[in-house]
Amino acid sequence: MAADPEEGGTATDLTNESPYAEGTEVSIKAEAAEGYGFVNWTAPAGGFDNASAAETTFTTPAQNVTVTANFEEVPPPPEDPTVTSQAATNIT
């Protein structure tokens, strides 16, 4: 399990019974760090039930692989505008 970038969050094997035989379904979960959002899961082999879901199932291939949770920085929300009022002048 890996996170990309590392500071973007964590990737967790919820099944936690490795090593796994080929075809084993493994529950995995990604949690984004503050300022980041989860994007998707990637691996060089094997398959995901839903690669876009932060919590999903990964089916293991015949070889050892690293499953990576991919994160991206989320821009901070815009600041609320400052509103000021002035007294009306020169009104006839």
N, C-alpha and C. Protein backbone atom coordinates (compact mmCIF):
# COMPACT_ATOMS: atom_id res chain seq x y z
N MET A 1 0.85 -1.17 0.00
CA MET A 1 0.00 0.00 0.00
C MET A 1 0.90 1.24 0.00
N ALA A 2 0.48 2.22 -0.80
CA ALA A 2 1.24 3.46 -0.88
C ALA A 2 0.28 4.62 -1.12
N ALA A 3 0.76 5.83 -0.85
CA ALA A 3 0.02 7.05 -1.12
C ALA A 3 0.87 7.93 -2.03
N ASP A 4 0.23 8.58 -3.02
CA ASP A 4 0.94 9.45 -3.94
C ASP A 4 0.17 10.75 -4.08
N PRO A 5 0.73 11.88 -3.65
CA PRO A 5 1.99 12.01 -2.93
C PRO A 5 1.85 11.52 -1.49
N GLU A 6 2.98 11.21 -0.87
CA GLU A 6 2.96 10.64 0.48
C GLU A 6 2.22 11.53 1.47
N GLU A 7 2.37 12.85 1.33
CA GLU A 7 1.71 13.76 2.27
C GLU A 7 0.21 13.94 1.97
N GLY A 8 -0.25 13.32 0.86
CA GLY A 8 -1.65 13.47 0.46
C GLY A 8 -2.64 12.69 1.29
N GLY A 9 -2.18 11.67 1.99
CA GLY A 9 -3.09 10.87 2.80
C GLY A 9 -2.54 9.49 3.09
N THR A 10 -3.44 8.58 3.44
CA THR A 10 -3.02 7.22 3.78
C THR A 10 -3.81 6.20 2.98
N ALA A 11 -3.17 5.06 2.75
CA ALA A 11 -3.80 3.92 2.09
C ALA A 11 -3.73 2.75 3.06
N THR A 12 -4.88 2.14 3.35
CA THR A 12 -4.94 1.10 4.38
C THR A 12 -5.53 -0.19 3.83
N ASP A 13 -4.90 -1.31 4.16
CA ASP A 13 -5.41 -2.65 3.86
C ASP A 13 -6.30 -3.03 5.05
N LEU A 14 -7.62 -2.93 4.86
CA LEU A 14 -8.55 -3.22 5.94
C LEU A 14 -8.63 -4.71 6.26
N THR A 15 -8.36 -5.56 5.26
CA THR A 15 -8.40 -7.01 5.47
C THR A 15 -7.24 -7.43 6.35
N ASN A 16 -6.06 -6.85 6.10
CA ASN A 16 -4.86 -7.03 6.93
C ASN A 16 -4.50 -8.49 7.18
N GLU A 17 -4.47 -9.29 6.11
CA GLU A 17 -4.10 -10.70 6.25
C GLU A 17 -3.06 -11.11 5.21
N SER A 18 -2.21 -10.17 4.77
CA SER A 18 -1.22 -10.50 3.75
C SER A 18 -0.18 -11.49 4.29
N PRO A 19 0.47 -12.27 3.45
CA PRO A 19 0.39 -12.24 1.99
C PRO A 19 -0.90 -12.89 1.48
N TYR A 20 -1.32 -12.45 0.29
CA TYR A 20 -2.57 -12.91 -0.30
C TYR A 20 -2.32 -13.83 -1.48
N ALA A 21 -3.18 -14.83 -1.62
CA ALA A 21 -3.13 -15.71 -2.78
C ALA A 21 -3.82 -15.00 -3.95
N GLU A 22 -3.47 -15.40 -5.16
CA GLU A 22 -4.09 -14.84 -6.35
C GLU A 22 -5.61 -14.96 -6.27
N GLY A 23 -6.29 -13.87 -6.63
CA GLY A 23 -7.75 -13.88 -6.65
C GLY A 23 -8.41 -13.50 -5.33
N THR A 24 -7.61 -13.20 -4.31
CA THR A 24 -8.17 -12.80 -3.02
C THR A 24 -8.75 -11.40 -3.13
N GLU A 25 -9.92 -11.20 -2.54
CA GLU A 25 -10.52 -9.87 -2.50
C GLU A 25 -10.11 -9.18 -1.21
N VAL A 26 -9.47 -8.04 -1.34
CA VAL A 26 -8.91 -7.31 -0.21
C VAL A 26 -9.65 -5.98 -0.07
N SER A 27 -10.15 -5.70 1.12
CA SER A 27 -10.81 -4.41 1.38
C SER A 27 -9.74 -3.36 1.64
N ILE A 28 -9.85 -2.23 0.93
CA ILE A 28 -8.86 -1.16 1.07
C ILE A 28 -9.58 0.17 1.27
N LYS A 29 -8.87 1.11 1.90
CA LYS A 29 -9.46 2.42 2.19
C LYS A 29 -8.40 3.50 2.08
N ALA A 30 -8.79 4.61 1.45
CA ALA A 30 -7.92 5.79 1.35
C ALA A 30 -8.52 6.90 2.19
N GLU A 31 -7.66 7.61 2.91
CA GLU A 31 -8.10 8.77 3.68
C GLU A 31 -7.20 9.94 3.33
N ALA A 32 -7.80 11.00 2.82
CA ALA A 32 -7.05 12.17 2.41
C ALA A 32 -6.64 13.01 3.62
N ALA A 33 -5.45 13.58 3.54
CA ALA A 33 -4.96 14.51 4.56
C ALA A 33 -5.62 15.87 4.32
N GLU A 34 -5.54 16.73 5.31
CA GLU A 34 -6.12 18.07 5.17
C GLU A 34 -5.49 18.78 3.98
N GLY A 35 -6.33 19.36 3.15
CA GLY A 35 -5.84 20.07 1.97
C GLY A 35 -5.72 19.21 0.73
N TYR A 36 -6.07 17.92 0.84
CA TYR A 36 -5.99 16.99 -0.29
C TYR A 36 -7.32 16.29 -0.48
N GLY A 37 -7.53 15.79 -1.68
CA GLY A 37 -8.71 14.98 -1.99
C GLY A 37 -8.28 13.69 -2.64
N PHE A 38 -9.03 12.62 -2.39
CA PHE A 38 -8.74 11.33 -3.02
C PHE A 38 -9.13 11.40 -4.50
N VAL A 39 -8.28 10.84 -5.39
CA VAL A 39 -8.55 10.83 -6.83
C VAL A 39 -8.95 9.43 -7.27
N ASN A 40 -8.05 8.45 -7.08
CA ASN A 40 -8.33 7.08 -7.50
C ASN A 40 -7.26 6.12 -6.99
N TRP A 41 -7.50 4.84 -7.24
CA TRP A 41 -6.54 3.77 -6.93
C TRP A 41 -5.87 3.33 -8.21
N THR A 42 -4.58 2.95 -8.12
CA THR A 42 -3.88 2.35 -9.26
C THR A 42 -3.01 1.19 -8.76
N ALA A 43 -2.78 0.24 -9.66
CA ALA A 43 -1.89 -0.89 -9.40
C ALA A 43 -1.46 -1.43 -10.76
N PRO A 44 -0.24 -1.99 -10.88
CA PRO A 44 0.23 -2.49 -12.17
C PRO A 44 -0.49 -3.75 -12.63
N ALA A 45 -1.17 -4.43 -11.73
CA ALA A 45 -1.94 -5.64 -12.08
C ALA A 45 -3.01 -5.81 -11.01
N GLY A 46 -3.96 -6.71 -11.26
CA GLY A 46 -5.06 -6.90 -10.33
C GLY A 46 -6.23 -6.02 -10.75
N GLY A 47 -7.27 -6.00 -9.94
CA GLY A 47 -8.45 -5.22 -10.32
C GLY A 47 -9.16 -4.62 -9.11
N PHE A 48 -9.86 -3.54 -9.36
CA PHE A 48 -10.62 -2.83 -8.33
C PHE A 48 -12.10 -2.95 -8.64
N ASP A 49 -12.92 -3.08 -7.60
CA ASP A 49 -14.37 -3.01 -7.80
C ASP A 49 -14.74 -1.62 -8.31
N ASN A 50 -14.15 -0.59 -7.71
CA ASN A 50 -14.39 0.78 -8.13
C ASN A 50 -13.14 1.60 -7.81
N ALA A 51 -12.31 1.83 -8.81
CA ALA A 51 -11.03 2.52 -8.61
C ALA A 51 -11.21 3.97 -8.19
N SER A 52 -12.40 4.52 -8.33
CA SER A 52 -12.65 5.91 -7.96
C SER A 52 -13.23 6.07 -6.56
N ALA A 53 -13.52 4.96 -5.90
CA ALA A 53 -14.10 5.01 -4.55
C ALA A 53 -12.99 4.95 -3.50
N ALA A 54 -13.09 5.79 -2.48
CA ALA A 54 -12.06 5.81 -1.43
C ALA A 54 -12.02 4.48 -0.67
N GLU A 55 -13.14 3.80 -0.54
CA GLU A 55 -13.18 2.48 0.10
C GLU A 55 -13.74 1.50 -0.93
N THR A 56 -12.94 0.48 -1.25
CA THR A 56 -13.31 -0.46 -2.30
C THR A 56 -12.66 -1.81 -2.05
N THR A 57 -12.78 -2.70 -3.02
CA THR A 57 -12.18 -4.02 -2.95
C THR A 57 -11.18 -4.18 -4.09
N PHE A 58 -10.02 -4.74 -3.77
CA PHE A 58 -8.98 -5.01 -4.76
C PHE A 58 -8.81 -6.52 -4.87
N THR A 59 -8.85 -7.04 -6.10
CA THR A 59 -8.63 -8.47 -6.33
C THR A 59 -7.17 -8.67 -6.72
N THR A 60 -6.47 -9.49 -5.93
CA THR A 60 -5.02 -9.64 -6.09
C THR A 60 -4.64 -10.45 -7.33
N PRO A 61 -3.55 -10.05 -7.98
CA PRO A 61 -3.02 -10.79 -9.13
C PRO A 61 -2.06 -11.89 -8.67
N ALA A 62 -1.43 -12.57 -9.63
CA ALA A 62 -0.50 -13.67 -9.33
C ALA A 62 0.84 -13.16 -8.79
N GLN A 63 1.20 -11.90 -9.06
CA GLN A 63 2.49 -11.38 -8.61
C GLN A 63 2.30 -10.35 -7.50
N ASN A 64 3.40 -10.01 -6.83
CA ASN A 64 3.37 -8.96 -5.83
C ASN A 64 3.17 -7.61 -6.51
N VAL A 65 2.33 -6.79 -5.95
CA VAL A 65 2.09 -5.45 -6.50
C VAL A 65 1.96 -4.44 -5.37
N THR A 66 2.19 -3.19 -5.71
CA THR A 66 1.92 -2.09 -4.79
C THR A 66 0.63 -1.43 -5.25
N VAL A 67 -0.31 -1.32 -4.34
CA VAL A 67 -1.57 -0.64 -4.61
C VAL A 67 -1.41 0.79 -4.11
N THR A 68 -1.69 1.76 -4.99
CA THR A 68 -1.45 3.17 -4.65
C THR A 68 -2.75 3.96 -4.63
N ALA A 69 -2.93 4.71 -3.55
CA ALA A 69 -4.02 5.69 -3.44
C ALA A 69 -3.47 7.01 -3.94
N ASN A 70 -4.10 7.59 -4.95
CA ASN A 70 -3.64 8.84 -5.54
C ASN A 70 -4.48 10.00 -5.00
N PHE A 71 -3.78 11.05 -4.60
CA PHE A 71 -4.42 12.24 -4.03
C PHE A 71 -3.98 13.46 -4.81
N GLU A 72 -4.78 14.55 -4.71
CA GLU A 72 -4.38 15.82 -5.29
C GLU A 72 -4.74 16.93 -4.32
N GLU A 73 -3.96 18.01 -4.40
CA GLU A 73 -4.22 19.15 -3.53
C GLU A 73 -5.55 19.79 -3.91
N VAL A 74 -6.29 20.18 -2.89
CA VAL A 74 -7.57 20.85 -3.09
C VAL A 74 -7.35 22.32 -2.75
N PRO A 75 -7.70 23.22 -3.68
CA PRO A 75 -7.49 24.63 -3.38
C PRO A 75 -8.38 25.06 -2.21
N PRO A 76 -7.89 25.98 -1.41
CA PRO A 76 -8.71 26.45 -0.28
C PRO A 76 -9.94 27.18 -0.82
N PRO A 77 -11.02 27.18 -0.06
CA PRO A 77 -12.22 27.89 -0.52
C PRO A 77 -11.94 29.39 -0.59
N PRO A 78 -12.61 30.08 -1.50
CA PRO A 78 -12.37 31.53 -1.60
C PRO A 78 -12.85 32.21 -0.32
N GLU A 79 -12.18 33.31 0.00
CA GLU A 79 -12.58 34.07 1.18
C GLU A 79 -13.86 34.83 0.88
N ASP A 80 -14.69 35.01 1.90
CA ASP A 80 -15.89 35.80 1.72
C ASP A 80 -15.50 37.25 1.43
N PRO A 81 -16.21 37.89 0.51
CA PRO A 81 -15.87 39.30 0.21
C PRO A 81 -16.20 40.19 1.39
N THR A 82 -15.47 41.27 1.50
CA THR A 82 -15.74 42.27 2.54
C THR A 82 -16.67 43.32 1.95
N VAL A 83 -17.77 43.56 2.64
CA VAL A 83 -18.75 44.53 2.18
C VAL A 83 -18.75 45.71 3.15
N THR A 84 -18.60 46.89 2.60
CA THR A 84 -18.65 48.10 3.43
C THR A 84 -19.74 49.00 2.88
N SER A 85 -20.27 49.84 3.71
CA SER A 85 -21.28 50.79 3.24
C SER A 85 -20.81 52.21 3.55
N GLN A 86 -21.27 53.13 2.76
CA GLN A 86 -20.93 54.54 2.96
C GLN A 86 -22.23 55.34 2.96
N ALA A 87 -22.19 56.43 3.66
CA ALA A 87 -23.34 57.31 3.67
C ALA A 87 -23.52 57.94 2.29
N ALA A 88 -24.79 58.10 1.89
CA ALA A 88 -25.06 58.73 0.60
C ALA A 88 -24.77 60.21 0.69
N THR A 89 -24.14 60.75 -0.33
CA THR A 89 -23.83 62.20 -0.37
C THR A 89 -24.21 62.75 -1.73
N ASN A 90 -24.40 64.03 -1.78
CA ASN A 90 -24.72 64.73 -3.02
C ASN A 90 -25.95 64.16 -3.72
N ILE A 91 -26.99 63.88 -2.96
CA ILE A 91 -28.23 63.37 -3.54
C ILE A 91 -29.24 64.50 -3.52
N THR A 92 -29.88 64.75 -4.66
CA THR A 92 -30.89 65.81 -4.72
C THR A 92 -32.21 65.24 -5.13
